[in-house]
């Protein structure tokens, strides 16, 4: 039942942000930004609550530790709205793991919703190996069975994929 609100921008001075494994509360960034942080895993691994109005500044470093990544929410079964990513995502691996990378949310479940979110950060993906499943790379959400409305991607999506096809979307 927590209601968390940011009251100002937060400068993390290059620190790596920890990840919240399971989130069921309400987080409102009030359009304030996280700045100068390193994000290697989604801020919220699993969201069943509400994540709103969080901005990731272009000074953030988004460096996925695995091929399943989005900086704000990995798997959404709640509400994500008004979030903005301005930082580039760079991922380079030469393996056969499944790759699903997006600028805001990696996967949105049927009960989840994603509204009015924007990805402005470029996404640069280099995948090698002999993947039999095509990597999925997208500006806002990688895969969704839920409700998506009013979302925009302005970031470039650049990719080099080994021997597999690529699923690519805005």
N, C-alpha and C. Protein backbone atom coordinates (compact mmCIF):
# COMPACT_ATOMS: atom_id res chain seq x y z
N UNK A 1 0.82 -1.21 0.00
CA UNK A 1 0.00 0.00 0.00
C UNK A 1 0.86 1.26 0.00
N UNK A 2 2.16 1.11 -0.20
CA UNK A 2 3.04 2.28 -0.23
C UNK A 2 2.75 3.18 -1.42
N UNK A 3 2.85 4.48 -1.19
CA UNK A 3 2.70 5.47 -2.23
C UNK A 3 3.99 6.28 -2.24
N UNK A 4 4.86 6.00 -3.23
CA UNK A 4 6.18 6.60 -3.28
C UNK A 4 6.18 7.69 -4.35
N UNK A 5 6.68 8.89 -3.99
CA UNK A 5 6.75 10.00 -4.94
C UNK A 5 8.12 10.64 -4.88
N UNK A 6 8.69 10.91 -6.08
CA UNK A 6 9.93 11.67 -6.14
C UNK A 6 9.59 13.15 -5.96
N UNK A 7 10.45 13.86 -5.26
CA UNK A 7 10.24 15.29 -5.04
C UNK A 7 11.26 16.14 -5.79
N UNK A 8 12.24 15.49 -6.42
CA UNK A 8 13.29 16.20 -7.17
C UNK A 8 14.05 15.19 -8.02
N UNK A 9 14.86 15.70 -8.95
CA UNK A 9 15.77 14.83 -9.68
C UNK A 9 16.75 14.19 -8.69
N UNK A 10 17.21 12.98 -9.03
CA UNK A 10 18.21 12.31 -8.19
C UNK A 10 19.45 12.04 -9.03
N UNK A 11 20.60 12.55 -8.59
CA UNK A 11 21.88 12.31 -9.24
C UNK A 11 22.58 11.19 -8.48
N UNK A 12 22.75 10.03 -9.12
CA UNK A 12 23.33 8.87 -8.47
C UNK A 12 24.85 8.84 -8.56
N UNK A 13 25.45 9.82 -9.19
CA UNK A 13 26.91 9.96 -9.26
C UNK A 13 27.61 8.70 -9.75
N UNK A 14 27.03 8.04 -10.76
CA UNK A 14 27.65 6.88 -11.38
C UNK A 14 27.38 5.55 -10.72
N UNK A 15 26.62 5.53 -9.64
CA UNK A 15 26.32 4.27 -8.93
C UNK A 15 25.41 3.38 -9.78
N UNK A 16 25.56 2.07 -9.59
CA UNK A 16 24.68 1.10 -10.24
C UNK A 16 23.42 0.95 -9.40
N UNK A 17 22.26 1.11 -10.03
CA UNK A 17 21.00 1.00 -9.30
C UNK A 17 20.69 -0.46 -9.00
N UNK A 18 20.23 -0.74 -7.79
CA UNK A 18 19.75 -2.09 -7.51
C UNK A 18 18.39 -2.28 -8.17
N UNK A 19 17.96 -3.51 -8.28
CA UNK A 19 16.69 -3.83 -8.91
C UNK A 19 15.68 -4.26 -7.86
N UNK A 20 14.44 -3.79 -7.99
CA UNK A 20 13.35 -4.23 -7.12
C UNK A 20 12.77 -5.49 -7.76
N UNK A 21 12.81 -6.60 -7.05
CA UNK A 21 12.40 -7.88 -7.64
C UNK A 21 10.90 -7.93 -7.90
N UNK A 22 10.09 -7.56 -6.92
CA UNK A 22 8.64 -7.62 -7.06
C UNK A 22 8.04 -6.33 -6.49
N UNK A 23 7.35 -5.57 -7.34
CA UNK A 23 6.79 -4.28 -6.93
C UNK A 23 5.28 -4.32 -7.03
N UNK A 24 4.60 -3.99 -5.92
CA UNK A 24 3.14 -4.03 -5.89
C UNK A 24 2.55 -2.73 -5.35
N UNK A 25 3.34 -1.69 -5.28
CA UNK A 25 2.90 -0.42 -4.70
C UNK A 25 2.69 0.61 -5.80
N UNK A 26 2.72 1.88 -5.42
CA UNK A 26 2.56 2.98 -6.36
C UNK A 26 3.81 3.85 -6.33
N UNK A 27 4.44 4.02 -7.51
CA UNK A 27 5.61 4.87 -7.65
C UNK A 27 5.28 5.97 -8.64
N UNK A 28 5.40 7.22 -8.23
CA UNK A 28 5.16 8.35 -9.12
C UNK A 28 6.40 9.22 -9.14
N UNK A 29 7.10 9.23 -10.28
CA UNK A 29 8.30 10.04 -10.42
C UNK A 29 8.01 11.52 -10.58
N UNK A 30 6.75 11.87 -10.77
CA UNK A 30 6.31 13.26 -10.94
C UNK A 30 7.13 14.01 -11.99
N UNK A 31 7.59 13.26 -13.02
CA UNK A 31 8.40 13.78 -14.13
C UNK A 31 9.78 14.27 -13.72
N UNK A 32 10.24 13.82 -12.54
CA UNK A 32 11.62 14.06 -12.14
C UNK A 32 12.47 12.94 -12.72
N UNK A 33 13.80 13.18 -12.78
CA UNK A 33 14.69 12.25 -13.47
C UNK A 33 15.69 11.58 -12.55
N UNK A 34 16.02 10.34 -12.92
CA UNK A 34 17.21 9.66 -12.39
C UNK A 34 18.33 10.10 -13.31
N UNK A 35 19.45 10.54 -12.73
CA UNK A 35 20.58 11.02 -13.52
C UNK A 35 21.86 10.29 -13.11
N UNK A 36 22.78 10.17 -14.06
CA UNK A 36 24.12 9.62 -13.81
C UNK A 36 24.11 8.29 -13.07
N UNK A 37 23.21 7.40 -13.46
CA UNK A 37 23.19 6.08 -12.83
C UNK A 37 23.51 5.03 -13.89
N UNK A 38 23.93 3.87 -13.42
CA UNK A 38 24.15 2.73 -14.30
C UNK A 38 23.04 1.73 -14.01
N UNK A 39 22.37 1.28 -15.05
CA UNK A 39 21.29 0.31 -14.91
C UNK A 39 21.66 -0.92 -15.72
N UNK A 40 21.83 -2.06 -15.02
CA UNK A 40 22.19 -3.31 -15.69
C UNK A 40 21.02 -4.30 -15.69
N UNK A 41 20.04 -4.06 -14.82
CA UNK A 41 18.80 -4.84 -14.75
C UNK A 41 17.66 -3.85 -14.59
N UNK A 42 16.46 -4.22 -15.00
CA UNK A 42 15.32 -3.31 -14.89
C UNK A 42 15.19 -2.79 -13.46
N UNK A 43 14.81 -1.53 -13.32
CA UNK A 43 14.59 -0.97 -11.99
C UNK A 43 13.54 -1.80 -11.26
N UNK A 44 12.46 -2.18 -11.96
CA UNK A 44 11.42 -3.04 -11.40
C UNK A 44 11.40 -4.33 -12.22
N UNK A 45 11.85 -5.44 -11.63
CA UNK A 45 11.86 -6.72 -12.36
C UNK A 45 10.44 -7.18 -12.68
N UNK A 46 9.55 -7.12 -11.70
CA UNK A 46 8.15 -7.51 -11.87
C UNK A 46 7.29 -6.41 -11.26
N UNK A 47 6.39 -5.85 -12.07
CA UNK A 47 5.50 -4.80 -11.58
C UNK A 47 4.06 -5.27 -11.60
N UNK A 48 3.43 -5.27 -10.43
CA UNK A 48 1.99 -5.52 -10.32
C UNK A 48 1.30 -4.30 -9.74
N UNK A 49 2.06 -3.23 -9.58
CA UNK A 49 1.52 -1.99 -9.03
C UNK A 49 1.41 -0.94 -10.11
N UNK A 50 1.86 0.26 -9.77
CA UNK A 50 1.77 1.39 -10.68
C UNK A 50 3.10 2.13 -10.71
N UNK A 51 3.68 2.28 -11.90
CA UNK A 51 4.92 3.04 -12.09
C UNK A 51 4.60 4.15 -13.08
N UNK A 52 4.69 5.40 -12.60
CA UNK A 52 4.27 6.53 -13.43
C UNK A 52 5.31 7.64 -13.45
N UNK A 53 5.37 8.34 -14.57
CA UNK A 53 6.07 9.62 -14.70
C UNK A 53 7.53 9.60 -14.25
N UNK A 54 8.24 8.51 -14.51
CA UNK A 54 9.67 8.43 -14.20
C UNK A 54 10.45 8.76 -15.48
N UNK A 55 11.46 9.60 -15.34
CA UNK A 55 12.31 9.98 -16.46
C UNK A 55 13.72 9.46 -16.22
N UNK A 56 14.29 8.80 -17.22
CA UNK A 56 15.70 8.41 -17.18
C UNK A 56 16.46 9.40 -18.05
N UNK A 57 17.36 10.15 -17.43
CA UNK A 57 18.13 11.17 -18.11
C UNK A 57 19.12 10.54 -19.10
N UNK A 58 19.51 11.29 -20.11
CA UNK A 58 20.47 10.78 -21.10
C UNK A 58 21.84 10.53 -20.49
N UNK A 59 22.10 11.02 -19.27
CA UNK A 59 23.38 10.79 -18.60
C UNK A 59 23.46 9.39 -17.98
N UNK A 60 22.36 8.65 -17.98
CA UNK A 60 22.37 7.29 -17.43
C UNK A 60 23.05 6.33 -18.40
N UNK A 61 23.66 5.29 -17.87
CA UNK A 61 24.28 4.24 -18.67
C UNK A 61 23.40 3.00 -18.57
N UNK A 62 22.85 2.57 -19.70
CA UNK A 62 22.00 1.38 -19.73
C UNK A 62 22.79 0.26 -20.39
N UNK A 63 23.29 -0.66 -19.56
CA UNK A 63 24.17 -1.74 -20.01
C UNK A 63 23.61 -3.07 -19.52
N UNK A 64 22.73 -3.70 -20.30
CA UNK A 64 22.08 -4.94 -19.86
C UNK A 64 23.08 -6.03 -19.47
N UNK A 65 22.81 -6.67 -18.33
CA UNK A 65 23.65 -7.78 -17.88
C UNK A 65 23.22 -9.10 -18.53
N UNK A 66 22.01 -9.13 -19.08
CA UNK A 66 21.51 -10.31 -19.81
C UNK A 66 20.78 -9.82 -21.05
N UNK A 67 20.34 -10.76 -21.87
CA UNK A 67 19.61 -10.43 -23.08
C UNK A 67 18.14 -10.13 -22.85
N UNK A 68 17.66 -10.21 -21.62
CA UNK A 68 16.29 -9.83 -21.30
C UNK A 68 16.36 -8.54 -20.48
N UNK A 69 15.99 -7.41 -21.13
CA UNK A 69 16.22 -6.13 -20.48
C UNK A 69 15.28 -5.04 -20.99
N UNK A 70 14.87 -4.23 -20.07
CA UNK A 70 14.28 -2.91 -20.31
C UNK A 70 14.64 -2.12 -19.06
N UNK A 71 14.95 -0.85 -19.17
CA UNK A 71 15.45 -0.13 -18.00
C UNK A 71 14.43 0.12 -16.89
N UNK A 72 13.16 0.24 -17.22
CA UNK A 72 12.18 0.59 -16.19
C UNK A 72 11.50 -0.66 -15.64
N UNK A 73 10.84 -1.45 -16.47
CA UNK A 73 10.15 -2.67 -16.00
C UNK A 73 10.50 -3.83 -16.92
N UNK A 74 10.86 -4.96 -16.32
CA UNK A 74 11.12 -6.16 -17.13
C UNK A 74 9.80 -6.82 -17.51
N UNK A 75 8.98 -7.21 -16.53
CA UNK A 75 7.69 -7.86 -16.79
C UNK A 75 6.60 -7.05 -16.09
N UNK A 76 5.65 -6.53 -16.87
CA UNK A 76 4.60 -5.67 -16.33
C UNK A 76 3.25 -6.38 -16.30
N UNK A 77 2.67 -6.46 -15.11
CA UNK A 77 1.30 -6.95 -14.94
C UNK A 77 0.47 -5.89 -14.24
N UNK A 78 0.99 -4.68 -14.17
CA UNK A 78 0.31 -3.56 -13.53
C UNK A 78 0.15 -2.42 -14.51
N UNK A 79 0.42 -1.21 -14.03
CA UNK A 79 0.30 0.00 -14.86
C UNK A 79 1.66 0.66 -14.98
N UNK A 80 2.05 0.99 -16.20
CA UNK A 80 3.23 1.81 -16.46
C UNK A 80 2.74 2.95 -17.35
N UNK A 81 2.89 4.19 -16.87
CA UNK A 81 2.40 5.31 -17.68
C UNK A 81 3.28 6.54 -17.52
N UNK A 82 3.37 7.29 -18.60
CA UNK A 82 4.09 8.56 -18.59
C UNK A 82 5.58 8.46 -18.35
N UNK A 83 6.17 7.28 -18.53
CA UNK A 83 7.62 7.11 -18.30
C UNK A 83 8.38 7.46 -19.58
N UNK A 84 9.59 8.02 -19.39
CA UNK A 84 10.42 8.45 -20.52
C UNK A 84 11.84 7.95 -20.32
N UNK A 85 12.39 7.33 -21.37
CA UNK A 85 13.80 6.95 -21.36
C UNK A 85 14.53 7.80 -22.40
N UNK A 86 15.55 8.54 -21.95
CA UNK A 86 16.36 9.35 -22.85
C UNK A 86 17.77 8.78 -23.04
N UNK A 87 18.09 7.70 -22.37
CA UNK A 87 19.45 7.14 -22.40
C UNK A 87 19.56 6.03 -23.44
N UNK A 88 20.72 5.91 -24.08
CA UNK A 88 20.93 4.82 -25.04
C UNK A 88 21.11 3.48 -24.33
N UNK A 89 20.70 2.42 -25.02
CA UNK A 89 20.91 1.04 -24.54
C UNK A 89 21.93 0.40 -25.46
N UNK A 90 22.97 -0.17 -24.88
CA UNK A 90 23.99 -0.88 -25.65
C UNK A 90 24.12 -2.30 -25.12
N UNK A 91 23.91 -3.28 -26.02
CA UNK A 91 24.01 -4.69 -25.64
C UNK A 91 24.83 -5.40 -26.71
N UNK A 92 25.84 -6.14 -26.26
CA UNK A 92 26.67 -6.90 -27.18
C UNK A 92 27.02 -8.24 -26.54
N UNK A 93 26.55 -9.31 -27.15
CA UNK A 93 26.82 -10.66 -26.65
C UNK A 93 27.02 -11.59 -27.83
N UNK A 94 27.85 -12.58 -27.64
CA UNK A 94 28.04 -13.61 -28.64
C UNK A 94 27.67 -14.94 -27.99
N UNK A 95 26.37 -15.15 -27.84
CA UNK A 95 25.89 -16.39 -27.22
C UNK A 95 24.58 -16.81 -27.87
N UNK A 96 24.00 -17.87 -27.38
CA UNK A 96 22.75 -18.38 -27.95
C UNK A 96 21.57 -18.16 -27.02
N UNK A 97 21.65 -17.20 -26.13
CA UNK A 97 20.54 -16.92 -25.22
C UNK A 97 19.44 -16.15 -25.94
N UNK A 98 18.24 -16.25 -25.38
CA UNK A 98 17.09 -15.50 -25.87
C UNK A 98 17.31 -14.02 -25.63
N UNK A 99 17.01 -13.17 -26.60
CA UNK A 99 17.20 -11.72 -26.47
C UNK A 99 15.85 -11.02 -26.64
N UNK A 100 15.49 -10.24 -25.63
CA UNK A 100 14.28 -9.41 -25.64
C UNK A 100 14.65 -8.10 -24.96
N UNK A 101 14.85 -7.05 -25.74
CA UNK A 101 15.31 -5.76 -25.21
C UNK A 101 14.41 -4.64 -25.73
N UNK A 102 14.00 -3.76 -24.80
CA UNK A 102 13.15 -2.63 -25.18
C UNK A 102 13.51 -1.41 -24.33
N UNK A 103 13.04 -0.24 -24.77
CA UNK A 103 13.39 1.02 -24.13
C UNK A 103 12.66 1.35 -22.84
N UNK A 104 11.48 0.77 -22.60
CA UNK A 104 10.70 1.05 -21.39
C UNK A 104 10.36 -0.25 -20.65
N UNK A 105 9.61 -1.16 -21.30
CA UNK A 105 9.14 -2.42 -20.71
C UNK A 105 9.50 -3.56 -21.65
N UNK A 106 10.09 -4.63 -21.12
CA UNK A 106 10.42 -5.77 -21.98
C UNK A 106 9.17 -6.55 -22.36
N UNK A 107 8.33 -6.92 -21.38
CA UNK A 107 7.13 -7.71 -21.65
C UNK A 107 5.97 -7.22 -20.80
N UNK A 108 4.81 -7.07 -21.44
CA UNK A 108 3.60 -6.63 -20.75
C UNK A 108 2.59 -7.78 -20.79
N UNK A 109 2.22 -8.29 -19.62
CA UNK A 109 1.25 -9.38 -19.54
C UNK A 109 -0.16 -8.89 -19.87
N UNK A 110 -1.06 -9.85 -20.07
CA UNK A 110 -2.45 -9.54 -20.44
C UNK A 110 -3.12 -8.56 -19.48
N UNK A 111 -2.85 -8.68 -18.20
CA UNK A 111 -3.48 -7.80 -17.21
C UNK A 111 -2.74 -6.47 -17.07
N UNK A 112 -1.66 -6.29 -17.78
CA UNK A 112 -0.87 -5.07 -17.68
C UNK A 112 -1.27 -4.00 -18.69
N UNK A 113 -0.90 -2.76 -18.39
CA UNK A 113 -1.14 -1.68 -19.34
C UNK A 113 0.07 -0.77 -19.40
N UNK A 114 0.26 -0.21 -20.57
CA UNK A 114 1.39 0.68 -20.86
C UNK A 114 0.82 1.87 -21.64
N UNK A 115 0.91 3.08 -21.03
CA UNK A 115 0.28 4.24 -21.65
C UNK A 115 1.21 5.45 -21.64
N UNK A 116 1.18 6.18 -22.75
CA UNK A 116 1.85 7.47 -22.87
C UNK A 116 3.32 7.45 -22.45
N UNK A 117 4.02 6.39 -22.82
CA UNK A 117 5.46 6.29 -22.53
C UNK A 117 6.25 6.62 -23.79
N UNK A 118 7.47 7.12 -23.59
CA UNK A 118 8.31 7.52 -24.72
C UNK A 118 9.73 7.02 -24.54
N UNK A 119 10.26 6.43 -25.59
CA UNK A 119 11.68 6.09 -25.63
C UNK A 119 12.36 7.01 -26.64
N UNK A 120 13.33 7.81 -26.16
CA UNK A 120 14.12 8.68 -27.02
C UNK A 120 15.54 8.16 -27.19
N UNK A 121 15.92 7.16 -26.41
CA UNK A 121 17.28 6.64 -26.44
C UNK A 121 17.50 5.67 -27.58
N UNK A 122 18.65 5.78 -28.21
CA UNK A 122 19.01 4.83 -29.27
C UNK A 122 19.25 3.45 -28.65
N UNK A 123 18.94 2.42 -29.40
CA UNK A 123 19.17 1.05 -28.94
C UNK A 123 20.12 0.40 -29.93
N UNK A 124 21.28 -0.03 -29.43
CA UNK A 124 22.34 -0.60 -30.26
C UNK A 124 22.59 -2.03 -29.80
N UNK A 125 22.23 -3.00 -30.63
CA UNK A 125 22.28 -4.41 -30.28
C UNK A 125 23.23 -5.15 -31.22
N UNK A 126 24.13 -5.94 -30.63
CA UNK A 126 25.01 -6.82 -31.42
C UNK A 126 24.88 -8.22 -30.82
N UNK A 127 24.33 -9.14 -31.61
CA UNK A 127 24.12 -10.52 -31.16
C UNK A 127 24.81 -11.46 -32.12
N UNK A 128 25.56 -12.40 -31.57
CA UNK A 128 26.19 -13.42 -32.39
C UNK A 128 25.59 -14.78 -32.08
N UNK A 129 26.30 -15.81 -32.39
CA UNK A 129 25.82 -17.16 -32.09
C UNK A 129 24.94 -17.71 -33.19
N UNK A 130 24.30 -18.83 -32.91
CA UNK A 130 23.46 -19.51 -33.88
C UNK A 130 22.03 -19.57 -33.36
N UNK A 131 21.49 -18.48 -32.95
CA UNK A 131 20.16 -18.42 -32.35
C UNK A 131 19.11 -19.03 -33.28
N UNK A 132 18.22 -19.83 -32.68
CA UNK A 132 17.09 -20.35 -33.44
C UNK A 132 15.86 -19.51 -33.19
N UNK A 133 15.85 -18.72 -32.11
CA UNK A 133 14.77 -17.79 -31.83
C UNK A 133 15.27 -16.40 -32.17
N UNK A 134 14.50 -15.67 -32.96
CA UNK A 134 14.92 -14.33 -33.38
C UNK A 134 14.96 -13.39 -32.18
N UNK A 135 16.02 -12.60 -32.06
CA UNK A 135 16.05 -11.57 -31.02
C UNK A 135 14.92 -10.57 -31.26
N UNK A 136 14.34 -10.06 -30.18
CA UNK A 136 13.30 -9.05 -30.28
C UNK A 136 13.84 -7.76 -29.68
N UNK A 137 13.84 -6.70 -30.47
CA UNK A 137 14.36 -5.40 -30.04
C UNK A 137 13.30 -4.36 -30.39
N UNK A 138 12.91 -3.55 -29.40
CA UNK A 138 11.85 -2.58 -29.65
C UNK A 138 12.09 -1.30 -28.86
N UNK A 139 11.56 -0.21 -29.36
CA UNK A 139 11.75 1.08 -28.72
C UNK A 139 11.03 1.22 -27.41
N UNK A 140 9.77 0.81 -27.31
CA UNK A 140 8.99 1.01 -26.09
C UNK A 140 8.74 -0.30 -25.36
N UNK A 141 8.08 -1.28 -26.00
CA UNK A 141 7.77 -2.56 -25.36
C UNK A 141 8.11 -3.69 -26.32
N UNK A 142 8.81 -4.70 -25.82
CA UNK A 142 9.25 -5.80 -26.65
C UNK A 142 8.17 -6.78 -27.02
N UNK A 143 7.33 -7.15 -26.06
CA UNK A 143 6.25 -8.10 -26.29
C UNK A 143 5.09 -7.71 -25.39
N UNK A 144 3.87 -7.75 -25.94
CA UNK A 144 2.73 -7.35 -25.11
C UNK A 144 1.48 -8.15 -25.45
N UNK A 145 0.86 -8.68 -24.40
CA UNK A 145 -0.47 -9.26 -24.50
C UNK A 145 -1.46 -8.33 -23.82
N UNK A 146 -0.93 -7.24 -23.25
CA UNK A 146 -1.75 -6.28 -22.51
C UNK A 146 -2.11 -5.07 -23.36
N UNK A 147 -2.56 -4.04 -22.67
CA UNK A 147 -3.06 -2.81 -23.27
C UNK A 147 -1.91 -1.83 -23.48
N UNK A 148 -1.72 -1.36 -24.71
CA UNK A 148 -0.68 -0.37 -25.03
C UNK A 148 -1.35 0.76 -25.80
N UNK A 149 -1.16 2.01 -25.29
CA UNK A 149 -1.79 3.15 -25.95
C UNK A 149 -0.95 4.41 -25.78
N UNK A 150 -0.84 5.19 -26.84
CA UNK A 150 -0.22 6.50 -26.78
C UNK A 150 1.28 6.49 -26.54
N UNK A 151 1.95 5.41 -26.88
CA UNK A 151 3.40 5.30 -26.67
C UNK A 151 4.14 5.68 -27.95
N UNK A 152 5.36 6.23 -27.78
CA UNK A 152 6.13 6.73 -28.93
C UNK A 152 7.59 6.33 -28.79
N UNK A 153 8.19 5.92 -29.90
CA UNK A 153 9.63 5.69 -29.95
C UNK A 153 10.23 6.66 -30.95
N UNK A 154 11.21 7.45 -30.50
CA UNK A 154 11.95 8.33 -31.43
C UNK A 154 13.41 7.90 -31.53
N UNK A 155 13.83 6.94 -30.70
CA UNK A 155 15.21 6.49 -30.70
C UNK A 155 15.51 5.56 -31.86
N UNK A 156 16.71 5.67 -32.41
CA UNK A 156 17.14 4.76 -33.47
C UNK A 156 17.32 3.36 -32.90
N UNK A 157 17.02 2.36 -33.72
CA UNK A 157 17.27 0.97 -33.35
C UNK A 157 18.28 0.43 -34.34
N UNK A 158 19.49 0.17 -33.84
CA UNK A 158 20.58 -0.36 -34.67
C UNK A 158 20.87 -1.78 -34.23
N UNK A 159 21.12 -2.65 -35.18
CA UNK A 159 21.34 -4.05 -34.82
C UNK A 159 22.31 -4.74 -35.77
N UNK A 160 23.07 -5.64 -35.18
CA UNK A 160 23.89 -6.60 -35.93
C UNK A 160 23.56 -7.95 -35.32
N UNK A 161 23.00 -8.82 -36.12
CA UNK A 161 22.57 -10.12 -35.63
C UNK A 161 23.32 -11.19 -36.41
N UNK A 162 23.80 -12.20 -35.68
CA UNK A 162 24.54 -13.30 -36.29
C UNK A 162 23.72 -14.03 -37.35
N UNK A 163 23.39 -15.27 -37.10
CA UNK A 163 22.72 -16.09 -38.10
C UNK A 163 21.21 -16.13 -37.95
N UNK A 164 20.65 -15.39 -36.99
CA UNK A 164 19.19 -15.44 -36.77
C UNK A 164 18.49 -14.25 -37.40
N UNK A 165 17.21 -14.41 -37.60
CA UNK A 165 16.37 -13.28 -38.02
C UNK A 165 16.18 -12.36 -36.82
N UNK A 166 15.67 -11.18 -37.06
CA UNK A 166 15.48 -10.20 -35.98
C UNK A 166 14.05 -9.71 -35.98
N UNK A 167 13.42 -9.70 -34.80
CA UNK A 167 12.13 -9.06 -34.62
C UNK A 167 12.39 -7.66 -34.14
N UNK A 168 12.03 -6.64 -34.92
CA UNK A 168 12.38 -5.26 -34.61
C UNK A 168 11.13 -4.40 -34.72
N UNK A 169 10.90 -3.57 -33.70
CA UNK A 169 9.73 -2.71 -33.75
C UNK A 169 9.92 -1.43 -32.97
N UNK A 170 9.08 -0.46 -33.26
CA UNK A 170 9.12 0.81 -32.54
C UNK A 170 8.38 0.72 -31.25
